[in-house]
C-alpha atoms as a PDB file:
ATOM      1  CA  MET A   1      37.370  -8.433 -39.222  1.00  0.00           C
ATOM      2  CA  LYS A   2      34.869 -11.262 -38.700  1.00  0.00           C
ATOM      3  CA  LYS A   3      36.230 -11.879 -35.220  1.00  0.00           C
ATOM      4  CA  SER A   4      35.765  -8.233 -34.169  1.00  0.00           C
ATOM      5  CA  VAL A   5      32.196  -8.250 -35.521  1.00  0.00           C
ATOM      6  CA  LYS A   6      31.352 -11.362 -33.491  1.00  0.00           C
ATOM      7  CA  ILE A   7      32.786  -9.876 -30.311  1.00  0.00           C
ATOM      8  CA  THR A   8      30.898  -6.619 -30.901  1.00  0.00           C
ATOM      9  CA  LEU A   9      27.641  -8.538 -31.328  1.00  0.00           C
ATOM     10  CA  VAL A  10      28.259 -10.499 -28.130  1.00  0.00           C
ATOM     11  CA  VAL A  11      28.980  -7.269 -26.210  1.00  0.00           C
ATOM     12  CA  ILE A  12      25.786  -5.680 -27.561  1.00  0.00           C
ATOM     13  CA  ILE A  13      23.759  -8.731 -26.530  1.00  0.00           C
ATOM     14  CA  LEU A  14      25.296  -8.617 -23.039  1.00  0.00           C
ATOM     15  CA  LEU A  15      24.505  -4.909 -22.673  1.00  0.00           C
ATOM     16  CA  ILE A  16      20.899  -5.497 -23.724  1.00  0.00           C
ATOM     17  CA  GLY A  17      20.680  -8.333 -21.229  1.00  0.00           C
ATOM     18  CA  PHE A  18      22.038  -6.133 -18.436  1.00  0.00           C
ATOM     19  CA  ALA A  19      19.554  -3.383 -19.325  1.00  0.00           C
ATOM     20  CA  VAL A  20      16.630  -5.823 -19.153  1.00  0.00           C
ATOM     21  CA  LEU A  21      17.812  -7.342 -15.873  1.00  0.00           C
ATOM     22  CA  PHE A  22      18.361  -4.011 -14.134  1.00  0.00           C
ATOM     23  CA  TYR A  23      15.443  -2.054 -15.619  1.00  0.00           C
ATOM     24  CA  PRO A  24      13.352  -2.417 -12.418  1.00  0.00           C
ATOM     25  CA  ASP A  25      16.174  -1.026 -10.255  1.00  0.00           C
ATOM     26  CA  ILE A  26      16.990   1.832 -12.614  1.00  0.00           C
ATOM     27  CA  SER A  27      13.321   2.735 -13.083  1.00  0.00           C
ATOM     28  CA  ASN A  28      12.602   2.503  -9.369  1.00  0.00           C
ATOM     29  CA  TRP A  29      15.613   4.709  -8.576  1.00  0.00           C
ATOM     30  CA  HIS A  30      14.389   7.287 -11.114  1.00  0.00           C
ATOM     31  CA  ASN A  31      10.865   7.284  -9.707  1.00  0.00           C
ATOM     32  CA  SER A  32      12.249   7.557  -6.166  1.00  0.00           C
ATOM     33  CA  GLN A  33      14.039  10.738  -7.244  1.00  0.00           C
ATOM     34  CA  VAL A  34      10.796  12.038  -8.762  1.00  0.00           C
ATOM     35  CA  HIS A  35       8.963  11.346  -5.495  1.00  0.00           C
ATOM     36  CA  ALA A  36      11.716  13.031  -3.487  1.00  0.00           C
ATOM     37  CA  ASP A  37      11.506  16.126  -5.704  1.00  0.00           C
ATOM     38  CA  LEU A  38       7.722  16.270  -5.348  1.00  0.00           C
ATOM     39  CA  ILE A  39       7.967  16.052  -1.570  1.00  0.00           C
ATOM     40  CA  PHE A  40      10.745  18.651  -1.439  1.00  0.00           C
ATOM     41  CA  ASN A  41       8.760  21.117  -3.570  1.00  0.00           C
ATOM     42  CA  HIS A  42       5.638  20.415  -1.515  1.00  0.00           C
ATOM     43  CA  ASN A  43       7.496  21.218   1.697  1.00  0.00           C
ATOM     44  CA  GLU A  44       8.903  24.385   0.152  1.00  0.00           C
ATOM     45  CA  ASP A  45       5.396  25.554  -0.731  1.00  0.00           C
ATOM     46  CA  LEU A  46       4.076  24.670   2.728  1.00  0.00           C
ATOM     47  CA  ALA A  47       6.646  26.980   4.296  1.00  0.00           C
ATOM     48  CA  LEU A  48       5.095  29.887   2.399  1.00  0.00           C
ATOM     49  CA  LEU A  49       1.506  29.300   3.555  1.00  0.00           C
ATOM     50  CA  ARG A  50      -0.128  31.591   6.066  1.00  0.00           C
ATOM     51  CA  GLU A  51      -1.339  30.092   9.331  1.00  0.00           C
ATOM     52  CA  GLU A  52      -4.883  31.245   8.558  1.00  0.00           C
ATOM     53  CA  TYR A  53      -4.833  29.327   5.257  1.00  0.00           C
ATOM     54  CA  ILE A  54      -3.706  26.124   6.988  1.00  0.00           C
ATOM     55  CA  GLU A  55      -6.324  26.436   9.734  1.00  0.00           C
ATOM     56  CA  GLU A  56      -9.049  27.018   7.125  1.00  0.00           C
ATOM     57  CA  HIS A  57      -8.081  23.862   5.205  1.00  0.00           C
ATOM     58  CA  PHE A  58      -8.029  21.745   8.336  1.00  0.00           C
ATOM     59  CA  ARG A  59     -11.505  23.083   9.177  1.00  0.00           C
ATOM     60  CA  ARG A  60     -12.786  22.249   5.686  1.00  0.00           C
ATOM     61  CA  ALA A  61     -11.246  18.771   5.865  1.00  0.00           C
ATOM     62  CA  ARG A  62     -12.953  18.032   9.191  1.00  0.00           C
ATOM     63  CA  ASP A  63     -16.257  19.395   7.878  1.00  0.00           C
ATOM     64  CA  PHE A  64     -15.883  17.032   4.901  1.00  0.00           C
ATOM     65  CA  ASN A  65     -15.223  14.138   7.282  1.00  0.00           C
ATOM     66  CA  ASP A  66     -18.399  14.930   9.205  1.00  0.00           C
ATOM     67  CA  MET A  67     -20.377  15.122   5.952  1.00  0.00           C
ATOM     68  CA  ILE A  68     -19.365  11.675   4.637  1.00  0.00           C
ATOM     69  CA  SER A  69     -20.311   9.781   7.775  1.00  0.00           C
ATOM     70  CA  GLY A  70     -22.203   6.660   6.707  1.00  0.00           C
ATOM     71  CA  ILE A  71     -21.371   6.770   2.974  1.00  0.00           C
ATOM     72  CA  TYR A  72     -20.442   3.430   1.414  1.00  0.00           C
ATOM     73  CA  VAL A  73     -17.053   3.306  -0.259  1.00  0.00           C
ATOM     74  CA  ALA A  74     -15.740   1.480  -3.333  1.00  0.00           C
ATOM     75  CA  ASP A  75     -12.756  -0.744  -3.994  1.00  0.00           C
ATOM     76  CA  PRO A  76      -9.978   1.602  -5.223  1.00  0.00           C
ATOM     77  CA  PHE A  77      -8.715  -0.864  -7.841  1.00  0.00           C
ATOM     78  CA  VAL A  78     -12.085  -1.727  -9.388  1.00  0.00           C
ATOM     79  CA  PRO A  79     -13.810   1.136 -11.233  1.00  0.00           C
ATOM     80  CA  ASN A  80     -17.502   1.657 -10.408  1.00  0.00           C
ATOM     81  CA  SER A  81     -17.471  -0.902  -7.580  1.00  0.00           C
ATOM     82  CA  GLY A  82     -19.349  -0.324  -4.362  1.00  0.00           C
ATOM     83  CA  VAL A  83     -21.965   2.334  -3.727  1.00  0.00           C
ATOM     84  CA  VAL A  84     -20.918   5.966  -3.418  1.00  0.00           C
ATOM     85  CA  LEU A  85     -22.441   9.390  -3.641  1.00  0.00           C
ATOM     86  CA  PRO A  86     -21.264  11.922  -6.258  1.00  0.00           C
ATOM     87  CA  PRO A  87     -17.903  13.493  -5.327  1.00  0.00           C
ATOM     88  CA  SER A  88     -17.968  16.572  -3.167  1.00  0.00           C
ATOM     89  CA  PRO A  89     -17.580  19.597  -5.475  1.00  0.00           C
ATOM     90  CA  ASP A  90     -14.709  20.979  -3.431  1.00  0.00           C
ATOM     91  CA  TYR A  91     -12.997  17.662  -2.593  1.00  0.00           C
ATOM     92  CA  MET A  92     -10.043  18.361  -4.899  1.00  0.00           C
ATOM     93  CA  GLU A  93      -9.460  21.774  -3.321  1.00  0.00           C
ATOM     94  CA  ILE A  94      -9.246  20.643   0.289  1.00  0.00           C
ATOM     95  CA  LEU A  95      -5.644  20.128   1.535  1.00  0.00           C
ATOM     96  CA  TYR A  96      -4.408  20.691  -2.025  1.00  0.00           C
ATOM     97  CA  VAL A  97      -0.896  22.187  -2.170  1.00  0.00           C
ATOM     98  CA  ASN A  98       1.270  22.029  -5.295  1.00  0.00           C
ATOM     99  CA  GLY A  99      -0.641  19.058  -6.693  1.00  0.00           C
ATOM    100  CA  MET A 100      -0.411  16.983  -3.511  1.00  0.00           C
ATOM    101  CA  MET A 101      -2.454  16.283  -0.408  1.00  0.00           C
ATOM    102  CA  GLY A 102       0.507  15.301   1.752  1.00  0.00           C
ATOM    103  CA  GLN A 103       3.023  12.522   2.263  1.00  0.00           C
ATOM    104  CA  ILE A 104       3.266   9.170   3.996  1.00  0.00           C
ATOM    105  CA  GLU A 105       6.307   7.703   5.685  1.00  0.00           C
ATOM    106  CA  ILE A 106       6.653   4.063   6.763  1.00  0.00           C
ATOM    107  CA  PRO A 107      10.170   3.834   8.224  1.00  0.00           C
ATOM    108  CA  ALA A 108      10.136   0.086   8.892  1.00  0.00           C
ATOM    109  CA  ILE A 109       9.855  -0.688   5.158  1.00  0.00           C
ATOM    110  CA  ASN A 110      11.714   2.385   3.889  1.00  0.00           C
ATOM    111  CA  VAL A 111       8.696   4.071   2.280  1.00  0.00           C
ATOM    112  CA  HIS A 112       8.340   7.836   1.846  1.00  0.00           C
ATOM    113  CA  LEU A 113       5.802   8.753  -0.814  1.00  0.00           C
ATOM    114  CA  PRO A 114       3.602  11.634  -1.929  1.00  0.00           C
ATOM    115  CA  VAL A 115      -0.136  11.359  -1.303  1.00  0.00           C
ATOM    116  CA  PHE A 116      -2.603  12.591  -3.934  1.00  0.00           C
ATOM    117  CA  HIS A 117      -6.342  13.078  -4.133  1.00  0.00           C
ATOM    118  CA  THR A 118      -8.408  10.200  -5.643  1.00  0.00           C
ATOM    119  CA  THR A 119      -7.390   6.683  -6.676  1.00  0.00           C
ATOM    120  CA  THR A 120      -7.572   6.993 -10.458  1.00  0.00           C
ATOM    121  CA  HIS A 121      -5.247   4.910 -12.609  1.00  0.00           C
ATOM    122  CA  ALA A 122      -3.095   7.967 -13.372  1.00  0.00           C
ATOM    123  CA  THR A 123      -2.879   8.869  -9.675  1.00  0.00           C
ATOM    124  CA  LEU A 124      -1.803   5.401  -8.577  1.00  0.00           C
ATOM    125  CA  LEU A 125       0.987   5.405 -11.151  1.00  0.00           C
ATOM    126  CA  ARG A 126       2.382   8.532  -9.483  1.00  0.00           C
ATOM    127  CA  GLY A 127       2.199   7.511  -5.839  1.00  0.00           C
ATOM    128  CA  VAL A 128      -0.351   6.980  -3.078  1.00  0.00           C
ATOM    129  CA  GLY A 129      -3.992   7.862  -3.587  1.00  0.00           C
ATOM    130  CA  HIS A 130      -6.583   8.932  -1.017  1.00  0.00           C
ATOM    131  CA  LEU A 131      -9.809   6.978  -1.422  1.00  0.00           C
ATOM    132  CA  GLU A 132     -12.663   9.394  -1.976  1.00  0.00           C
ATOM    133  CA  HIS A 133     -15.573   9.225   0.461  1.00  0.00           C
ATOM    134  CA  THR A 134     -13.254   8.191   3.262  1.00  0.00           C
ATOM    135  CA  SER A 135     -12.058  10.642   5.858  1.00  0.00           C
ATOM    136  CA  PHE A 136      -9.264  13.052   5.084  1.00  0.00           C
ATOM    137  CA  PRO A 137      -6.192  11.986   7.133  1.00  0.00           C
ATOM    138  CA  VAL A 138      -6.438  14.844   9.625  1.00  0.00           C
ATOM    139  CA  GLY A 139      -7.490  12.888  12.691  1.00  0.00           C
ATOM    140  CA  GLY A 140     -10.672  13.222  14.669  1.00  0.00           C
ATOM    141  CA  GLU A 141     -13.148  11.079  16.546  1.00  0.00           C
ATOM    142  CA  THR A 142     -14.973   8.575  14.322  1.00  0.00           C
ATOM    143  CA  SER A 143     -12.557   9.051  11.441  1.00  0.00           C
ATOM    144  CA  HIS A 144     -11.288   6.419   9.013  1.00  0.00           C
ATOM    145  CA  SER A 145      -9.028   7.490   6.166  1.00  0.00           C
ATOM    146  CA  VAL A 146      -7.946   5.070   3.427  1.00  0.00           C
ATOM    147  CA  LEU A 147      -4.721   5.413   1.428  1.00  0.00           C
ATOM    148  CA  THR A 148      -3.916   3.023  -1.383  1.00  0.00           C
ATOM    149  CA  ALA A 149      -1.071   2.278  -3.785  1.00  0.00           C
ATOM    150  CA  HIS A 150       0.030  -0.408  -6.194  1.00  0.00           C
ATOM    151  CA  SER A 151       2.492  -3.178  -5.375  1.00  0.00           C
ATOM    152  CA  GLY A 152       4.616  -5.409  -7.559  1.00  0.00           C
ATOM    153  CA  LEU A 153       5.166  -2.885 -10.357  1.00  0.00           C
ATOM    154  CA  ALA A 154       8.470  -3.217 -12.210  1.00  0.00           C
ATOM    155  CA  SER A 155       8.982   0.554 -12.243  1.00  0.00           C
ATOM    156  CA  HIS A 156       7.747   1.476  -8.726  1.00  0.00           C
ATOM    157  CA  ARG A 157       8.017  -0.261  -5.371  1.00  0.00           C
ATOM    158  CA  LEU A 158       5.266   1.879  -3.780  1.00  0.00           C
ATOM    159  CA  PHE A 159       3.422  -0.499  -1.378  1.00  0.00           C
ATOM    160  CA  THR A 160       5.244  -3.653  -2.565  1.00  0.00           C
ATOM    161  CA  ASP A 161       6.718  -4.202   0.911  1.00  0.00           C
ATOM    162  CA  LEU A 162       3.518  -3.380   2.822  1.00  0.00           C
ATOM    163  CA  GLU A 163       3.136  -7.073   3.660  1.00  0.00           C
ATOM    164  CA  GLU A 164       6.294  -6.719   5.786  1.00  0.00           C
ATOM    165  CA  LEU A 165       4.661  -4.106   8.042  1.00  0.00           C
ATOM    166  CA  ASN A 166       3.642  -5.845  11.242  1.00  0.00           C
ATOM    167  CA  VAL A 167       1.201  -5.190  14.058  1.00  0.00           C
ATOM    168  CA  GLY A 168       2.716  -2.740  16.545  1.00  0.00           C
ATOM    169  CA  GLU A 169       4.850  -0.879  13.995  1.00  0.00           C
ATOM    170  CA  LEU A 170       4.335   2.783  13.191  1.00  0.00           C
ATOM    171  CA  PHE A 171       3.661   4.875  10.110  1.00  0.00           C
ATOM    172  CA  PHE A 172       3.192   8.603   9.675  1.00  0.00           C
ATOM    173  CA  VAL A 173       1.174  10.943   7.489  1.00  0.00           C
ATOM    174  CA  ARG A 174       2.151  14.592   7.044  1.00  0.00           C
ATOM    175  CA  ILE A 175      -0.605  17.039   6.123  1.00  0.00           C
ATOM    176  CA  LEU A 176      -0.002  20.801   5.819  1.00  0.00           C
ATOM    177  CA  GLY A 177       3.087  20.540   8.000  1.00  0.00           C
ATOM    178  CA  GLU A 178       1.407  18.549  10.774  1.00  0.00           C
ATOM    179  CA  THR A 179       2.442  14.929  11.418  1.00  0.00           C
ATOM    180  CA  PHE A 180      -0.107  12.270  12.343  1.00  0.00           C
ATOM    181  CA  ALA A 181       1.220   9.024  13.826  1.00  0.00           C
ATOM    182  CA  TYR A 182      -0.457   5.629  13.542  1.00  0.00           C
ATOM    183  CA  LYS A 183       0.272   2.282  15.156  1.00  0.00           C
ATOM    184  CA  VAL A 184      -0.667  -0.855  13.223  1.00  0.00           C
ATOM    185  CA  ASP A 185      -3.357  -2.729  15.142  1.00  0.00           C
ATOM    186  CA  GLN A 186      -4.540  -5.224  12.540  1.00  0.00           C
ATOM    187  CA  ARG A 187      -3.819  -6.789   9.137  1.00  0.00           C
ATOM    188  CA  ARG A 188      -6.485  -8.319   6.939  1.00  0.00           C
ATOM    189  CA  ILE A 189      -6.649  -9.977   3.522  1.00  0.00           C
ATOM    190  CA  VAL A 190     -10.084  -9.584   1.968  1.00  0.00           C
ATOM    191  CA  LEU A 191     -11.877  -9.849  -1.349  1.00  0.00           C
ATOM    192  CA  PRO A 192     -12.436  -6.604  -3.299  1.00  0.00           C
ATOM    193  CA  HIS A 193     -16.128  -6.406  -2.409  1.00  0.00           C
ATOM    194  CA  GLU A 194     -15.521  -6.880   1.312  1.00  0.00           C
ATOM    195  CA  ILE A 195     -15.380  -3.244   2.401  1.00  0.00           C
ATOM    196  CA  GLU A 196     -16.540  -3.631   5.989  1.00  0.00           C
ATOM    197  CA  GLU A 197     -12.982  -3.274   7.284  1.00  0.00           C
ATOM    198  CA  ILE A 198     -12.647   0.262   5.880  1.00  0.00           C
ATOM    199  CA  MET A 199     -15.908   1.619   7.219  1.00  0.00           C
ATOM    200  CA  LEU A 200     -16.116   4.114  10.060  1.00  0.00           C
ATOM    201  CA  VAL A 201     -15.864   2.764  13.602  1.00  0.00           C
ATOM    202  CA  PRO A 202     -17.671   4.940  16.171  1.00  0.00           C
ATOM    203  CA  GLY A 203     -15.217   6.723  18.426  1.00  0.00           C
ATOM    204  CA  GLU A 204     -12.114   5.414  16.605  1.00  0.00           C
ATOM    205  CA  ASP A 205      -9.459   7.454  14.754  1.00  0.00           C
ATOM    206  CA  LEU A 206      -8.156   5.076  12.065  1.00  0.00           C
ATOM    207  CA  LEU A 207      -6.179   4.998   8.840  1.00  0.00           C
ATOM    208  CA  THR A 208      -5.993   1.931   6.582  1.00  0.00           C
ATOM    209  CA  LEU A 209      -3.369   1.247   3.916  1.00  0.00           C
ATOM    210  CA  ILE A 210      -4.512  -0.898   0.989  1.00  0.00           C
ATOM    211  CA  THR A 211      -2.716  -2.717  -1.814  1.00  0.00           C
ATOM    212  CA  CYS A 212      -3.405  -5.691  -4.076  1.00  0.00           C
ATOM    213  CA  THR A 213      -2.304  -9.206  -3.178  1.00  0.00           C
ATOM    214  CA  PRO A 214      -0.987 -11.813  -3.934  1.00  0.00           C
ATOM    215  CA  TYR A 215       1.791 -10.659  -6.201  1.00  0.00           C
ATOM    216  CA  ALA A 216       0.898 -10.672  -9.928  1.00  0.00           C
ATOM    217  CA  ILE A 217      -2.531 -12.205  -9.213  1.00  0.00           C
ATOM    218  CA  ASN A 218      -4.191  -9.316  -7.341  1.00  0.00           C
ATOM    219  CA  SER A 219      -7.355 -11.232  -6.521  1.00  0.00           C
ATOM    220  CA  HIS A 220      -7.453  -9.944  -2.929  1.00  0.00           C
ATOM    221  CA  ARG A 221      -6.664  -6.801  -0.971  1.00  0.00           C
ATOM    222  CA  LEU A 222      -4.171  -6.453   1.856  1.00  0.00           C
ATOM    223  CA  LEU A 223      -5.469  -4.051   4.495  1.00  0.00           C
ATOM    224  CA  VAL A 224      -3.053  -2.747   7.109  1.00  0.00           C
ATOM    225  CA  ARG A 225      -4.908  -0.629   9.646  1.00  0.00           C
ATOM    226  CA  GLY A 226      -3.401   1.847  12.072  1.00  0.00           C
ATOM    227  CA  VAL A 227      -4.929   3.549  15.078  1.00  0.00           C
ATOM    228  CA  ARG A 228      -3.821   7.107  15.711  1.00  0.00           C
ATOM    229  CA  ILE A 229      -1.430   7.708  18.596  1.00  0.00           C
ATOM    230  CA  PRO A 230       0.233  10.894  19.866  1.00  0.00           C
ATOM    231  CA  TYR A 231       3.132  11.949  17.661  1.00  0.00           C
ATOM    232  CA  GLU A 232       6.481  12.343  19.405  1.00  0.00           C
ATOM    233  CA  PRO A 233       8.955  14.564  17.500  1.00  0.00           C
ATOM    234  CA  GLY A 234      12.111  12.651  16.566  1.00  0.00           C
ATOM    235  CA  ILE A 235      10.539   9.200  16.822  1.00  0.00           C
ATOM    236  CA  ILE A 236      10.821   8.565  13.077  1.00  0.00           C
ATOM    237  CA  GLU A 237      14.616   8.754  13.205  1.00  0.00           C
ATOM    238  CA  THR A 238      14.693   6.023  15.883  1.00  0.00           C
ATOM    239  CA  ILE A 239      12.933   3.440  13.705  1.00  0.00           C
ATOM    240  CA  LEU A 240      15.263   1.159  11.776  1.00  0.00           C
ATOM    241  CA  VAL A 241      14.507  -0.456   8.444  1.00  0.00           C
ATOM    242  CA  VAL A 242      14.029  -4.183   9.004  1.00  0.00           C
ATOM    243  CA  LEU A 243      16.168  -6.184   6.563  1.00  0.00           C
ATOM    244  CA  PRO A 244      16.002  -9.961   6.035  1.00  0.00           C
ATOM    245  CA  GLU A 245      18.481 -11.809   8.238  1.00  0.00           C
ATOM    246  CA  GLU A 246      19.065 -14.656   5.836  1.00  0.00           C
ATOM    247  CA  PHE A 247      21.865 -14.464   3.287  1.00  0.00           C
ATOM    248  CA  PHE A 248      20.318 -13.545  -0.050  1.00  0.00           C
ATOM    249  CA  ILE A 249      21.875 -13.571  -3.508  1.00  0.00           C
ATOM    250  CA  ASP A 250      20.053 -11.668  -6.220  1.00  0.00           C
ATOM    251  CA  PHE A 251      19.385 -14.121  -9.063  1.00  0.00           C
ATOM    252  CA  ARG A 252      20.342 -11.411 -11.558  1.00  0.00           C
ATOM    253  CA  PHE A 253      23.925 -11.428 -10.347  1.00  0.00           C
ATOM    254  CA  ILE A 254      24.015 -15.189 -10.870  1.00  0.00           C
ATOM    255  CA  LEU A 255      22.766 -14.655 -14.428  1.00  0.00           C
ATOM    256  CA  ILE A 256      25.355 -11.936 -15.000  1.00  0.00           C
ATOM    257  CA  ALA A 257      28.135 -14.176 -13.697  1.00  0.00           C
ATOM    258  CA  ALA A 258      26.922 -16.959 -15.987  1.00  0.00           C
ATOM    259  CA  MET A 259      26.733 -14.625 -19.002  1.00  0.00           C
ATOM    260  CA  LEU A 260      30.210 -13.232 -18.339  1.00  0.00           C
ATOM    261  CA  SER A 261      31.572 -16.743 -17.901  1.00  0.00           C
ATOM    262  CA  ILE A 262      30.038 -17.836 -21.200  1.00  0.00           C
ATOM    263  CA  PHE A 263      31.429 -14.717 -22.888  1.00  0.00           C
ATOM    264  CA  ALA A 264      34.904 -15.348 -21.454  1.00  0.00           C
ATOM    265  CA  LEU A 265      34.815 -19.021 -22.456  1.00  0.00           C
ATOM    266  CA  THR A 266      33.650 -18.043 -25.943  1.00  0.00           C
ATOM    267  CA  VAL A 267      36.560 -15.612 -26.339  1.00  0.00           C
ATOM    268  CA  VAL A 268      39.069 -18.156 -25.010  1.00  0.00           C
ATOM    269  CA  ALA A 269      37.685 -20.922 -27.220  1.00  0.00           C
ATOM    270  CA  ASN A 270      37.715 -18.641 -30.242  1.00  0.00           C
ATOM    271  CA  ASN A 271      41.327 -17.611 -29.565  1.00  0.00           C
ATOM    272  CA  PHE A 272      42.307 -21.242 -29.072  1.00  0.00           C
ATOM    273  CA  ARG A 273      40.643 -22.191 -32.377  1.00  0.00           C
ATOM    274  CA  VAL A 274      42.303 -19.287 -34.229  1.00  0.00           C
ATOM    275  CA  ASN A 275      45.731 -20.146 -32.774  1.00  0.00           C
ATOM    276  CA  ALA A 276      45.269 -23.809 -33.672  1.00  0.00           C
ATOM    277  CA  VAL A 277      44.444 -22.854 -37.256  1.00  0.00           C
ATOM    278  CA  ARG A 278      47.488 -20.578 -37.414  1.00  0.00           C
ATOM    279  CA  ARG A 279      49.754 -23.327 -36.069  1.00  0.00           C
ATOM    280  CA  ARG A 280      48.361 -25.799 -38.579  1.00  0.00           C
ATOM    281  CA  ILE A 281      48.943 -23.344 -41.430  1.00  0.00           C
ATOM    282  CA  ALA A 282      52.491 -22.694 -40.192  1.00  0.00           C
ATOM    283  CA  ARG A 283      53.223 -26.431 -40.003  1.00  0.00           C
ATOM    284  CA  ASN A 284      51.856 -26.994 -43.471  1.00  0.00           C
ATOM    285  CA  ARG A 285      53.965 -24.146 -44.824  1.00  0.00           C
ATOM    286  CA  LEU A 286      57.100 -25.533 -43.175  1.00  0.00           C
ATOM    287  CA  ARG A 287      56.338 -29.018 -44.500  1.00  0.00           C
ATOM    288  CA  GLN A 288      55.789 -27.647 -47.982  1.00  0.00           C
ATOM    289  CA  GLU A 289      59.055 -25.660 -47.865  1.00  0.00           C
ATOM    290  CA  TRP A 290      60.936 -28.707 -46.605  1.00  0.00           C
ATOM    291  CA  GLU A 291      59.510 -30.894 -49.353  1.00  0.00           C
ATOM    292  CA  GLU A 292      60.383 -28.302 -52.018  1.00  0.00           C
ATOM    293  CA  GLY A 293      63.897 -28.028 -50.639  1.00  0.00           C
ATOM    294  CA  THR A 294      64.502 -31.715 -50.810  1.00  0.00           C
END
């Protein structure tokens, strides 16, 4: 009875250990399914929109972009930083379909995420946020949109791999069924108050992706900027995810192998000890019977 209780306790401890080790993967898989469902439902709703409705929202988005020219913007991860004007009263209504603004796809790092209005804490836990008082991502001369997301979260990958996106690689933003393509032209690491890199550039059509860096410290911001290029249908499918070439062993599998080895050795040692005790008892019984018989 005691032996079975010990084994049960060891199994429970192992299961808890496995759950802790693989929580990030399980949670990230779950959130990836949530993102996929949001994007699917968004696309379903887009298919039902009238052409006039779409054209009106693009017009309103470009009017908004013209209106914000020259406004200072804030760091998305630091509340009340920077200098901004009060939000536009209809900001949340522009490009709003089924709770989303659109979606972003970065094939090289296997990212496909929903894009939402604002960069509030709640928004950034759900996906990618559009930084208010920057241009809507609908293109146009002298336009600079900013999209931001967390990195390094245990439950979401989001922009964790953004540092792997290199100059010359492409990313795409889909708004109301239209795809806008961008080619990375620069990468910068700046302090939170250094917002010059996300300001408008006369005559340029830009979109910057922002996340915190370095991992777990978050003292700086990684800015990956793209310049808009013509979108070619089918180009996304030709871009391969870049995987590390070096041989990599996940440390968790080493821990699991060690835990299983310890468990197996414990069981073997326990069985050996039990068998040794049984043999000793049997020898003592035989010796006692022999002595009584003589």
